[in-house]
Amino acid sequence: MVRGGREFASLDAIAWSRKGVASGIGEILLTSVDRDGTQSGFDVELTAAISNAVTVPVIASGGARLPSISSKSSRKGAADAALAASIFHDSIQPIRALKEFLAAQGVEVRLPC
């Protein structure tokens, strides 16, 4: 998608990701416009497909809500990191509680002292 998700770009996400890596990008912030703001979970299938196709870190974005969804994205989606915003802004999920849950699931997180 282009123009803030308002226009379809007719590009294959995997091919576009590989082209970016070939051009020298250092990481991919992968936002599923279909899931962004929905709090329905990350697009695990798309994230895994991109992660398995490139050699740079992939950050899952769009759809975060429950801790179990974030954990699933890190494992099944092969994401190197995950981005969440509205769940914190809307006080749906405390940051510390999410980090503690993920750490208990074996997901690497930075916990405060």
PDB file of N, CA and C in Angstrom:
ATOM      1  N   MET A   1       0.843  -1.173   0.000  1.00  0.00           N
ATOM      2  CA  MET A   1       0.000   0.000   0.000  1.00  0.00           C
ATOM      3  C   MET A   1       0.891   1.240   0.000  1.00  0.00           C
ATOM      4  N   VAL A   2       0.402   2.289  -0.579  1.00  0.00           N
ATOM      5  CA  VAL A   2       1.094   3.575  -0.591  1.00  0.00           C
ATOM      6  C   VAL A   2       0.115   4.669  -0.176  1.00  0.00           C
ATOM      7  N   ARG A   3       0.678   5.870  -0.012  1.00  0.00           N
ATOM      8  CA  ARG A   3      -0.137   7.030   0.373  1.00  0.00           C
ATOM      9  C   ARG A   3      -0.948   6.761   1.649  1.00  0.00           C
ATOM     10  N   GLY A   4      -0.208   6.318   2.667  1.00  0.00           N
ATOM     11  CA  GLY A   4      -0.822   6.080   3.964  1.00  0.00           C
ATOM     12  C   GLY A   4      -1.836   4.954   3.966  1.00  0.00           C
ATOM     13  N   GLY A   5      -1.665   3.973   3.088  1.00  0.00           N
ATOM     14  CA  GLY A   5      -2.569   2.834   3.029  1.00  0.00           C
ATOM     15  C   GLY A   5      -3.835   3.094   2.239  1.00  0.00           C
ATOM     16  N   ARG A   6      -3.861   4.197   1.492  1.00  0.00           N
ATOM     17  CA  ARG A   6      -5.064   4.533   0.734  1.00  0.00           C
ATOM     18  C   ARG A   6      -5.058   3.979  -0.688  1.00  0.00           C
ATOM     19  N   GLU A   7      -3.874   3.620  -1.204  1.00  0.00           N
ATOM     20  CA  GLU A   7      -3.795   3.113  -2.570  1.00  0.00           C
ATOM     21  C   GLU A   7      -3.013   1.812  -2.618  1.00  0.00           C
ATOM     22  N   PHE A   8      -3.514   0.878  -3.409  1.00  0.00           N
ATOM     23  CA  PHE A   8      -2.847  -0.398  -3.611  1.00  0.00           C
ATOM     24  C   PHE A   8      -1.690  -0.188  -4.586  1.00  0.00           C
ATOM     25  N   ALA A   9      -0.510  -0.685  -4.250  1.00  0.00           N
ATOM     26  CA  ALA A   9       0.683  -0.460  -5.061  1.00  0.00           C
ATOM     27  C   ALA A   9       0.949  -1.565  -6.074  1.00  0.00           C
ATOM     28  N   SER A  10       0.194  -2.651  -6.050  1.00  0.00           N
ATOM     29  CA  SER A  10       0.375  -3.776  -6.967  1.00  0.00           C
ATOM     30  C   SER A  10       1.784  -4.360  -6.907  1.00  0.00           C
ATOM     31  N   LEU A  11       2.351  -4.445  -5.707  1.00  0.00           N
ATOM     32  CA  LEU A  11       3.677  -5.018  -5.523  1.00  0.00           C
ATOM     33  C   LEU A  11       3.575  -6.221  -4.591  1.00  0.00           C
ATOM     34  N   ASP A  12       4.366  -7.249  -4.872  1.00  0.00           N
ATOM     35  CA  ASP A  12       4.431  -8.420  -4.013  1.00  0.00           C
ATOM     36  C   ASP A  12       5.290  -8.077  -2.791  1.00  0.00           C
ATOM     37  N   ALA A  13       4.775  -8.319  -1.594  1.00  0.00           N
ATOM     38  CA  ALA A  13       5.471  -7.934  -0.369  1.00  0.00           C
ATOM     39  C   ALA A  13       6.825  -8.621  -0.222  1.00  0.00           C
ATOM     40  N   ILE A  14       6.910  -9.884  -0.600  1.00  0.00           N
ATOM     41  CA  ILE A  14       8.186 -10.597  -0.483  1.00  0.00           C
ATOM     42  C   ILE A  14       9.196 -10.046  -1.478  1.00  0.00           C
ATOM     43  N   ALA A  15       8.782  -9.862  -2.715  1.00  0.00           N
ATOM     44  CA  ALA A  15       9.692  -9.310  -3.724  1.00  0.00           C
ATOM     45  C   ALA A  15      10.147  -7.906  -3.328  1.00  0.00           C
ATOM     46  N   TRP A  16       9.216  -7.103  -2.825  1.00  0.00           N
ATOM     47  CA  TRP A  16       9.549  -5.735  -2.407  1.00  0.00           C
ATOM     48  C   TRP A  16      10.535  -5.756  -1.239  1.00  0.00           C
ATOM     49  N   SER A  17      10.342  -6.680  -0.294  1.00  0.00           N
ATOM     50  CA  SER A  17      11.251  -6.803   0.844  1.00  0.00           C
ATOM     51  C   SER A  17      12.643  -7.204   0.390  1.00  0.00           C
ATOM     52  N   ARG A  18      12.719  -8.165  -0.514  1.00  0.00           N
ATOM     53  CA  ARG A  18      14.023  -8.592  -1.042  1.00  0.00           C
ATOM     54  C   ARG A  18      14.717  -7.456  -1.789  1.00  0.00           C
ATOM     55  N   LYS A  19      13.951  -6.680  -2.528  1.00  0.00           N
ATOM     56  CA  LYS A  19      14.515  -5.534  -3.248  1.00  0.00           C
ATOM     57  C   LYS A  19      15.089  -4.515  -2.260  1.00  0.00           C
ATOM     58  N   GLY A  20      14.363  -4.284  -1.164  1.00  0.00           N
ATOM     59  CA  GLY A  20      14.862  -3.368  -0.143  1.00  0.00           C
ATOM     60  C   GLY A  20      16.163  -3.843   0.463  1.00  0.00           C
ATOM     61  N   VAL A  21      16.246  -5.125   0.779  1.00  0.00           N
ATOM     62  CA  VAL A  21      17.469  -5.690   1.339  1.00  0.00           C
ATOM     63  C   VAL A  21      18.614  -5.567   0.334  1.00  0.00           C
ATOM     64  N   ALA A  22      18.348  -5.851  -0.920  1.00  0.00           N
ATOM     65  CA  ALA A  22      19.372  -5.728  -1.957  1.00  0.00           C
ATOM     66  C   ALA A  22      19.850  -4.287  -2.104  1.00  0.00           C
ATOM     67  N   SER A  23      18.980  -3.339  -1.764  1.00  0.00           N
ATOM     68  CA  SER A  23      19.331  -1.920  -1.843  1.00  0.00           C
ATOM     69  C   SER A  23      20.056  -1.429  -0.600  1.00  0.00           C
ATOM     70  N   GLY A  24      20.136  -2.268   0.429  1.00  0.00           N
ATOM     71  CA  GLY A  24      20.914  -1.921   1.600  1.00  0.00           C
ATOM     72  C   GLY A  24      20.147  -1.588   2.871  1.00  0.00           C
ATOM     73  N   ILE A  25      18.831  -1.835   2.906  1.00  0.00           N
ATOM     74  CA  ILE A  25      18.117  -1.543   4.148  1.00  0.00           C
ATOM     75  C   ILE A  25      18.607  -2.461   5.262  1.00  0.00           C
ATOM     76  N   GLY A  26      18.502  -1.994   6.494  1.00  0.00           N
ATOM     77  CA  GLY A  26      19.022  -2.762   7.616  1.00  0.00           C
ATOM     78  C   GLY A  26      17.971  -3.505   8.414  1.00  0.00           C
ATOM     79  N   GLU A  27      16.695  -3.152   8.238  1.00  0.00           N
ATOM     80  CA  GLU A  27      15.602  -3.844   8.904  1.00  0.00           C
ATOM     81  C   GLU A  27      14.304  -3.480   8.209  1.00  0.00           C
ATOM     82  N   ILE A  28      13.274  -4.270   8.479  1.00  0.00           N
ATOM     83  CA  ILE A  28      11.963  -4.031   7.867  1.00  0.00           C
ATOM     84  C   ILE A  28      10.938  -3.850   8.972  1.00  0.00           C
ATOM     85  N   LEU A  29      10.245  -2.723   8.944  1.00  0.00           N
ATOM     86  CA  LEU A  29       9.102  -2.509   9.820  1.00  0.00           C
ATOM     87  C   LEU A  29       7.887  -2.901   8.994  1.00  0.00           C
ATOM     88  N   LEU A  30       7.346  -4.082   9.282  1.00  0.00           N
ATOM     89  CA  LEU A  30       6.280  -4.661   8.488  1.00  0.00           C
ATOM     90  C   LEU A  30       4.936  -4.397   9.149  1.00  0.00           C
ATOM     91  N   THR A  31       4.178  -3.468   8.600  1.00  0.00           N
ATOM     92  CA  THR A  31       2.866  -3.129   9.141  1.00  0.00           C
ATOM     93  C   THR A  31       1.789  -3.697   8.241  1.00  0.00           C
ATOM     94  N   SER A  32       0.947  -4.542   8.802  1.00  0.00           N
ATOM     95  CA  SER A  32      -0.195  -5.060   8.067  1.00  0.00           C
ATOM     96  C   SER A  32      -1.298  -4.006   8.104  1.00  0.00           C
ATOM     97  N   VAL A  33      -1.559  -3.369   6.957  1.00  0.00           N
ATOM     98  CA  VAL A  33      -2.597  -2.331   6.929  1.00  0.00           C
ATOM     99  C   VAL A  33      -3.976  -2.929   7.178  1.00  0.00           C
ATOM    100  N   ASP A  34      -4.130  -4.217   6.907  1.00  0.00           N
ATOM    101  CA  ASP A  34      -5.412  -4.880   7.176  1.00  0.00           C
ATOM    102  C   ASP A  34      -5.663  -5.038   8.679  1.00  0.00           C
ATOM    103  N   ARG A  35      -4.594  -5.096   9.457  1.00  0.00           N
ATOM    104  CA  ARG A  35      -4.728  -5.337  10.894  1.00  0.00           C
ATOM    105  C   ARG A  35      -4.440  -4.103  11.743  1.00  0.00           C
ATOM    106  N   ASP A  36      -3.789  -3.105  11.163  1.00  0.00           N
ATOM    107  CA  ASP A  36      -3.366  -1.934  11.922  1.00  0.00           C
ATOM    108  C   ASP A  36      -4.556  -1.262  12.598  1.00  0.00           C
ATOM    109  N   GLY A  37      -4.454  -1.089  13.901  1.00  0.00           N
ATOM    110  CA  GLY A  37      -5.508  -0.443  14.662  1.00  0.00           C
ATOM    111  C   GLY A  37      -6.682  -1.334  15.015  1.00  0.00           C
ATOM    112  N   THR A  38      -6.666  -2.599  14.586  1.00  0.00           N
ATOM    113  CA  THR A  38      -7.799  -3.489  14.837  1.00  0.00           C
ATOM    114  C   THR A  38      -7.676  -4.251  16.150  1.00  0.00           C
ATOM    115  N   GLN A  39      -6.464  -4.369  16.669  1.00  0.00           N
ATOM    116  CA  GLN A  39      -6.179  -5.154  17.866  1.00  0.00           C
ATOM    117  C   GLN A  39      -6.641  -6.602  17.703  1.00  0.00           C
ATOM    118  N   SER A  40      -6.536  -7.118  16.473  1.00  0.00           N
ATOM    119  CA  SER A  40      -6.954  -8.495  16.185  1.00  0.00           C
ATOM    120  C   SER A  40      -5.769  -9.450  16.054  1.00  0.00           C
ATOM    121  N   GLY A  41      -4.581  -8.974  16.334  1.00  0.00           N
ATOM    122  CA  GLY A  41      -3.387  -9.812  16.246  1.00  0.00           C
ATOM    123  C   GLY A  41      -2.558  -9.486  15.014  1.00  0.00           C
ATOM    124  N   PHE A  42      -1.273  -9.725  15.132  1.00  0.00           N
ATOM    125  CA  PHE A  42      -0.365  -9.487  14.011  1.00  0.00           C
ATOM    126  C   PHE A  42      -0.665 -10.446  12.865  1.00  0.00           C
ATOM    127  N   ASP A  43      -0.289 -10.075  11.660  1.00  0.00           N
ATOM    128  CA  ASP A  43      -0.424 -10.955  10.499  1.00  0.00           C
ATOM    129  C   ASP A  43       0.757 -11.923  10.532  1.00  0.00           C
ATOM    130  N   VAL A  44       0.580 -13.015  11.252  1.00  0.00           N
ATOM    131  CA  VAL A  44       1.654 -13.972  11.499  1.00  0.00           C
ATOM    132  C   VAL A  44       2.142 -14.616  10.205  1.00  0.00           C
ATOM    133  N   GLU A  45       1.236 -14.936   9.307  1.00  0.00           N
ATOM    134  CA  GLU A  45       1.624 -15.594   8.059  1.00  0.00           C
ATOM    135  C   GLU A  45       2.491 -14.666   7.196  1.00  0.00           C
ATOM    136  N   LEU A  46       2.083 -13.411   7.053  1.00  0.00           N
ATOM    137  CA  LEU A  46       2.868 -12.450   6.268  1.00  0.00           C
ATOM    138  C   LEU A  46       4.221 -12.204   6.923  1.00  0.00           C
ATOM    139  N   THR A  47       4.225 -12.042   8.241  1.00  0.00           N
ATOM    140  CA  THR A  47       5.476 -11.790   8.952  1.00  0.00           C
ATOM    141  C   THR A  47       6.449 -12.957   8.770  1.00  0.00           C
ATOM    142  N   ALA A  48       5.951 -14.180   8.881  1.00  0.00           N
ATOM    143  CA  ALA A  48       6.813 -15.352   8.695  1.00  0.00           C
ATOM    144  C   ALA A  48       7.339 -15.430   7.274  1.00  0.00           C
ATOM    145  N   ALA A  49       6.483 -15.150   6.308  1.00  0.00           N
ATOM    146  CA  ALA A  49       6.908 -15.214   4.902  1.00  0.00           C
ATOM    147  C   ALA A  49       8.029 -14.213   4.629  1.00  0.00           C
ATOM    148  N   ILE A  50       7.884 -12.989   5.133  1.00  0.00           N
ATOM    149  CA  ILE A  50       8.914 -11.969   4.920  1.00  0.00           C
ATOM    150  C   ILE A  50      10.171 -12.339   5.704  1.00  0.00           C
ATOM    151  N   SER A  51      10.020 -12.722   6.964  1.00  0.00           N
ATOM    152  CA  SER A  51      11.177 -13.074   7.796  1.00  0.00           C
ATOM    153  C   SER A  51      12.004 -14.197   7.188  1.00  0.00           C
ATOM    154  N   ASN A  52      11.319 -15.168   6.607  1.00  0.00           N
ATOM    155  CA  ASN A  52      12.020 -16.302   5.999  1.00  0.00           C
ATOM    156  C   ASN A  52      12.617 -15.976   4.639  1.00  0.00           C
ATOM    157  N   ALA A  53      12.233 -14.842   4.063  1.00  0.00           N
ATOM    158  CA  ALA A  53      12.708 -14.483   2.723  1.00  0.00           C
ATOM    159  C   ALA A  53      13.875 -13.497   2.734  1.00  0.00           C
ATOM    160  N   VAL A  54      14.144 -12.876   3.890  1.00  0.00           N
ATOM    161  CA  VAL A  54      15.188 -11.848   3.942  1.00  0.00           C
ATOM    162  C   VAL A  54      16.188 -12.141   5.048  1.00  0.00           C
ATOM    163  N   THR A  55      17.301 -11.423   5.003  1.00  0.00           N
ATOM    164  CA  THR A  55      18.383 -11.644   5.968  1.00  0.00           C
ATOM    165  C   THR A  55      18.505 -10.523   6.991  1.00  0.00           C
ATOM    166  N   VAL A  56      17.545  -9.611   7.021  1.00  0.00           N
ATOM    167  CA  VAL A  56      17.572  -8.507   7.981  1.00  0.00           C
ATOM    168  C   VAL A  56      16.456  -8.705   9.009  1.00  0.00           C
ATOM    169  N   PRO A  57      16.560  -8.066  10.168  1.00  0.00           N
ATOM    170  CA  PRO A  57      15.494  -8.185  11.165  1.00  0.00           C
ATOM    171  C   PRO A  57      14.159  -7.659  10.644  1.00  0.00           C
ATOM    172  N   VAL A  58      13.079  -8.321  11.065  1.00  0.00           N
ATOM    173  CA  VAL A  58      11.725  -7.912  10.691  1.00  0.00           C
ATOM    174  C   VAL A  58      10.959  -7.589  11.974  1.00  0.00           C
ATOM    175  N   ILE A  59      10.344  -6.413  11.985  1.00  0.00           N
ATOM    176  CA  ILE A  59       9.558  -5.958  13.123  1.00  0.00           C
ATOM    177  C   ILE A  59       8.088  -6.056  12.753  1.00  0.00           C
ATOM    178  N   ALA A  60       7.329  -6.867  13.489  1.00  0.00           N
ATOM    179  CA  ALA A  60       5.896  -7.020  13.234  1.00  0.00           C
ATOM    180  C   ALA A  60       5.159  -5.806  13.773  1.00  0.00           C
ATOM    181  N   SER A  61       4.203  -5.309  12.999  1.00  0.00           N
ATOM    182  CA  SER A  61       3.423  -4.152  13.412  1.00  0.00           C
ATOM    183  C   SER A  61       2.013  -4.272  12.864  1.00  0.00           C
ATOM    184  N   GLY A  62       1.069  -3.743  13.625  1.00  0.00           N
ATOM    185  CA  GLY A  62      -0.317  -3.728  13.172  1.00  0.00           C
ATOM    186  C   GLY A  62      -1.126  -4.860  13.754  1.00  0.00           C
ATOM    187  N   GLY A  63      -1.954  -4.557  14.753  1.00  0.00           N
ATOM    188  CA  GLY A  63      -2.870  -5.548  15.287  1.00  0.00           C
ATOM    189  C   GLY A  63      -2.607  -6.010  16.699  1.00  0.00           C
ATOM    190  N   ALA A  64      -1.591  -5.462  17.371  1.00  0.00           N
ATOM    191  CA  ALA A  64      -1.258  -5.928  18.724  1.00  0.00           C
ATOM    192  C   ALA A  64      -2.420  -5.735  19.688  1.00  0.00           C
ATOM    193  N   ARG A  65      -2.560  -6.716  20.595  1.00  0.00           N
ATOM    194  CA  ARG A  65      -3.535  -6.562  21.678  1.00  0.00           C
ATOM    195  C   ARG A  65      -3.155  -7.394  22.891  1.00  0.00           C
ATOM    196  N   LEU A  66      -3.358  -8.675  22.828  1.00  0.00           N
ATOM    197  CA  LEU A  66      -3.161  -9.526  23.999  1.00  0.00           C
ATOM    198  C   LEU A  66      -1.734 -10.050  24.064  1.00  0.00           C
ATOM    199  N   PRO A  67      -1.217 -10.301  25.267  1.00  0.00           N
ATOM    200  CA  PRO A  67       0.136 -10.849  25.379  1.00  0.00           C
ATOM    201  C   PRO A  67       0.337 -12.127  24.582  1.00  0.00           C
ATOM    202  N   SER A  68      -0.659 -13.013  24.573  1.00  0.00           N
ATOM    203  CA  SER A  68      -0.505 -14.270  23.847  1.00  0.00           C
ATOM    204  C   SER A  68      -0.353 -14.036  22.355  1.00  0.00           C
ATOM    205  N   ILE A  69      -0.981 -12.991  21.835  1.00  0.00           N
ATOM    206  CA  ILE A  69      -0.843 -12.648  20.420  1.00  0.00           C
ATOM    207  C   ILE A  69       0.574 -12.175  20.141  1.00  0.00           C
ATOM    208  N   SER A  70       1.135 -11.368  21.028  1.00  0.00           N
ATOM    209  CA  SER A  70       2.501 -10.880  20.843  1.00  0.00           C
ATOM    210  C   SER A  70       3.492 -12.026  20.886  1.00  0.00           C
ATOM    211  N   SER A  71       3.284 -12.966  21.794  1.00  0.00           N
ATOM    212  CA  SER A  71       4.151 -14.129  21.901  1.00  0.00           C
ATOM    213  C   SER A  71       4.074 -14.973  20.636  1.00  0.00           C
ATOM    214  N   LYS A  72       2.863 -15.169  20.114  1.00  0.00           N
ATOM    215  CA  LYS A  72       2.667 -15.945  18.889  1.00  0.00           C
ATOM    216  C   LYS A  72       3.404 -15.294  17.717  1.00  0.00           C
ATOM    217  N   SER A  73       3.372 -13.977  17.637  1.00  0.00           N
ATOM    218  CA  SER A  73       4.049 -13.279  16.553  1.00  0.00           C
ATOM    219  C   SER A  73       5.547 -13.518  16.597  1.00  0.00           C
ATOM    220  N   SER A  74       6.105 -13.500  17.797  1.00  0.00           N
ATOM    221  CA  SER A  74       7.537 -13.712  17.925  1.00  0.00           C
ATOM    222  C   SER A  74       7.934 -15.127  17.547  1.00  0.00           C
ATOM    223  N   ARG A  75       7.078 -16.091  17.866  1.00  0.00           N
ATOM    224  CA  ARG A  75       7.411 -17.483  17.594  1.00  0.00           C
ATOM    225  C   ARG A  75       7.007 -17.910  16.187  1.00  0.00           C
ATOM    226  N   LYS A  76       5.723 -17.978  15.915  1.00  0.00           N
ATOM    227  CA  LYS A  76       5.236 -18.468  14.627  1.00  0.00           C
ATOM    228  C   LYS A  76       5.483 -17.476  13.504  1.00  0.00           C
ATOM    229  N   GLY A  77       5.450 -16.205  13.822  1.00  0.00           N
ATOM    230  CA  GLY A  77       5.650 -15.181  12.801  1.00  0.00           C
ATOM    231  C   GLY A  77       7.106 -14.913  12.512  1.00  0.00           C
ATOM    232  N   ALA A  78       7.994 -15.501  13.307  1.00  0.00           N
ATOM    233  CA  ALA A  78       9.437 -15.360  13.124  1.00  0.00           C
ATOM    234  C   ALA A  78       9.890 -13.911  13.179  1.00  0.00           C
ATOM    235  N   ALA A  79       9.127 -13.067  13.871  1.00  0.00           N
ATOM    236  CA  ALA A  79       9.502 -11.659  13.991  1.00  0.00           C
ATOM    237  C   ALA A  79      10.696 -11.517  14.929  1.00  0.00           C
ATOM    238  N   ASP A  80      11.563 -10.573  14.601  1.00  0.00           N
ATOM    239  CA  ASP A  80      12.693 -10.271  15.474  1.00  0.00           C
ATOM    240  C   ASP A  80      12.277  -9.307  16.577  1.00  0.00           C
ATOM    241  N   ALA A  81      11.200  -8.593  16.334  1.00  0.00           N
ATOM    242  CA  ALA A  81      10.655  -7.654  17.319  1.00  0.00           C
ATOM    243  C   ALA A  81       9.204  -7.393  16.961  1.00  0.00           C
ATOM    244  N   ALA A  82       8.483  -6.769  17.888  1.00  0.00           N
ATOM    245  CA  ALA A  82       7.088  -6.424  17.631  1.00  0.00           C
ATOM    246  C   ALA A  82       6.845  -5.000  18.097  1.00  0.00           C
ATOM    247  N   LEU A  83       6.004  -4.303  17.385  1.00  0.00           N
ATOM    248  CA  LEU A  83       5.647  -2.929  17.710  1.00  0.00           C
ATOM    249  C   LEU A  83       4.206  -2.906  18.186  1.00  0.00           C
ATOM    250  N   ALA A  84       3.974  -2.211  19.273  1.00  0.00           N
ATOM    251  CA  ALA A  84       2.611  -2.036  19.781  1.00  0.00           C
ATOM    252  C   ALA A  84       2.468  -0.583  20.205  1.00  0.00           C
ATOM    253  N   ALA A  85       1.299  -0.024  20.006  1.00  0.00           N
ATOM    254  CA  ALA A  85       1.091   1.368  20.384  1.00  0.00           C
ATOM    255  C   ALA A  85      -0.262   1.580  21.051  1.00  0.00           C
ATOM    256  N   SER A  86      -1.344   1.350  20.315  1.00  0.00           N
ATOM    257  CA  SER A  86      -2.662   1.706  20.835  1.00  0.00           C
ATOM    258  C   SER A  86      -3.015   0.937  22.098  1.00  0.00           C
ATOM    259  N   ILE A  87      -2.499  -0.295  22.253  1.00  0.00           N
ATOM    260  CA  ILE A  87      -2.822  -1.035  23.477  1.00  0.00           C
ATOM    261  C   ILE A  87      -2.248  -0.349  24.709  1.00  0.00           C
ATOM    262  N   PHE A  88      -1.164   0.406  24.526  1.00  0.00           N
ATOM    263  CA  PHE A  88      -0.585   1.160  25.636  1.00  0.00           C
ATOM    264  C   PHE A  88      -1.267   2.519  25.777  1.00  0.00           C
ATOM    265  N   HIS A  89      -1.493   3.191  24.656  1.00  0.00           N
ATOM    266  CA  HIS A  89      -2.146   4.504  24.687  1.00  0.00           C
ATOM    267  C   HIS A  89      -3.560   4.417  25.254  1.00  0.00           C
ATOM    268  N   ASP A  90      -4.261   3.342  24.927  1.00  0.00           N
ATOM    269  CA  ASP A  90      -5.648   3.165  25.379  1.00  0.00           C
ATOM    270  C   ASP A  90      -5.734   2.426  26.718  1.00  0.00           C
ATOM    271  N   SER A  91      -4.589   2.202  27.351  1.00  0.00           N
ATOM    272  CA  SER A  91      -4.508   1.523  28.664  1.00  0.00           C
ATOM    273  C   SER A  91      -5.146   0.136  28.666  1.00  0.00           C
ATOM    274  N   ILE A  92      -5.050  -0.567  27.540  1.00  0.00           N
ATOM    275  CA  ILE A  92      -5.545  -1.937  27.452  1.00  0.00           C
ATOM    276  C   ILE A  92      -4.559  -2.902  28.097  1.00  0.00           C
ATOM    277  N   GLN A  93      -3.275  -2.600  27.948  1.00  0.00           N
ATOM    278  CA  GLN A  93      -2.230  -3.489  28.436  1.00  0.00           C
ATOM    279  C   GLN A  93      -1.105  -2.663  29.059  1.00  0.00           C
ATOM    280  N   PRO A  94      -0.785  -2.883  30.335  1.00  0.00           N
ATOM    281  CA  PRO A  94       0.373  -2.210  30.921  1.00  0.00           C
ATOM    282  C   PRO A  94       1.668  -2.751  30.310  1.00  0.00           C
ATOM    283  N   ILE A  95       2.605  -1.883  30.029  1.00  0.00           N
ATOM    284  CA  ILE A  95       3.859  -2.289  29.382  1.00  0.00           C
ATOM    285  C   ILE A  95       4.601  -3.324  30.227  1.00  0.00           C
ATOM    286  N   ARG A  96       4.753  -3.054  31.501  1.00  0.00           N
ATOM    287  CA  ARG A  96       5.502  -3.988  32.363  1.00  0.00           C
ATOM    288  C   ARG A  96       4.855  -5.371  32.386  1.00  0.00           C
ATOM    289  N   ALA A  97       3.537  -5.439  32.478  1.00  0.00           N
ATOM    290  CA  ALA A  97       2.842  -6.734  32.507  1.00  0.00           C
ATOM    291  C   ALA A  97       3.077  -7.502  31.204  1.00  0.00           C
ATOM    292  N   LEU A  98       3.046  -6.809  30.083  1.00  0.00           N
ATOM    293  CA  LEU A  98       3.299  -7.469  28.800  1.00  0.00           C
ATOM    294  C   LEU A  98       4.727  -8.004  28.748  1.00  0.00           C
ATOM    295  N   LYS A  99       5.680  -7.198  29.164  1.00  0.00           N
ATOM    296  CA  LYS A  99       7.073  -7.636  29.150  1.00  0.00           C
ATOM    297  C   LYS A  99       7.291  -8.836  30.070  1.00  0.00           C
ATOM    298  N   GLU A 100       6.676  -8.815  31.237  1.00  0.00           N
ATOM    299  CA  GLU A 100       6.820  -9.940  32.166  1.00  0.00           C
ATOM    300  C   GLU A 100       6.205 -11.215  31.581  1.00  0.00           C
ATOM    301  N   PHE A 101       5.053 -11.084  30.935  1.00  0.00           N
ATOM    302  CA  PHE A 101       4.419 -12.237  30.297  1.00  0.00           C
ATOM    303  C   PHE A 101       5.323 -12.807  29.204  1.00  0.00           C
ATOM    304  N   LEU A 102       5.829 -11.930  28.346  1.00  0.00           N
ATOM    305  CA  LEU A 102       6.683 -12.385  27.242  1.00  0.00           C
ATOM    306  C   LEU A 102       7.958 -13.037  27.768  1.00  0.00           C
ATOM    307  N   ALA A 103       8.572 -12.454  28.781  1.00  0.00           N
ATOM    308  CA  ALA A 103       9.782 -13.034  29.363  1.00  0.00           C
ATOM    309  C   ALA A 103       9.502 -14.435  29.906  1.00  0.00           C
ATOM    310  N   ALA A 104       8.354 -14.611  30.550  1.00  0.00           N
ATOM    311  CA  ALA A 104       7.978 -15.927  31.078  1.00  0.00           C
ATOM    312  C   ALA A 104       7.745 -16.943  29.960  1.00  0.00           C
ATOM    313  N   GLN A 105       7.428 -16.465  28.750  1.00  0.00           N
ATOM    314  CA  GLN A 105       7.220 -17.338  27.589  1.00  0.00           C
ATOM    315  C   GLN A 105       8.533 -17.611  26.849  1.00  0.00           C
ATOM    316  N   GLY A 106       9.640 -17.040  27.333  1.00  0.00           N
ATOM    317  CA  GLY A 106      10.930 -17.253  26.710  1.00  0.00           C
ATOM    318  C   GLY A 106      11.257 -16.263  25.604  1.00  0.00           C
ATOM    319  N   VAL A 107      10.461 -15.196  25.494  1.00  0.00           N
ATOM    320  CA  VAL A 107      10.711 -14.160  24.498  1.00  0.00           C
ATOM    321  C   VAL A 107      11.675 -13.152  25.121  1.00  0.00           C
ATOM    322  N   GLU A 108      12.729 -12.802  24.396  1.00  0.00           N
ATOM    323  CA  GLU A 108      13.702 -11.852  24.927  1.00  0.00           C
ATOM    324  C   GLU A 108      13.102 -10.450  24.973  1.00  0.00           C
ATOM    325  N   VAL A 109      13.097  -9.866  26.160  1.00  0.00           N
ATOM    326  CA  VAL A 109      12.607  -8.504  26.363  1.00  0.00           C
ATOM    327  C   VAL A 109      13.565  -7.789  27.331  1.00  0.00           C
ATOM    328  N   ARG A 110      13.533  -6.469  27.281  1.00  0.00           N
ATOM    329  CA  ARG A 110      14.303  -5.675  28.247  1.00  0.00           C
ATOM    330  C   ARG A 110      13.366  -5.290  29.379  1.00  0.00           C
ATOM    331  N   LEU A 111      13.662  -5.817  30.569  1.00  0.00           N
ATOM    332  CA  LEU A 111      12.859  -5.486  31.744  1.00  0.00           C
ATOM    333  C   LEU A 111      13.557  -4.382  32.525  1.00  0.00           C
ATOM    334  N   PRO A 112      12.770  -3.466  33.105  1.00  0.00           N
ATOM    335  CA  PRO A 112      13.385  -2.430  33.938  1.00  0.00           C
ATOM    336  C   PRO A 112      13.980  -3.050  35.207  1.00  0.00           C
ATOM    337  N   CYS A 113      14.925  -2.367  35.789  1.00  0.00           N
ATOM    338  CA  CYS A 113      15.570  -2.850  37.039  1.00  0.00           C
ATOM    339  C   CYS A 113      14.580  -2.913  38.168  1.00  0.00           C
TER     340      CYS A 113
END
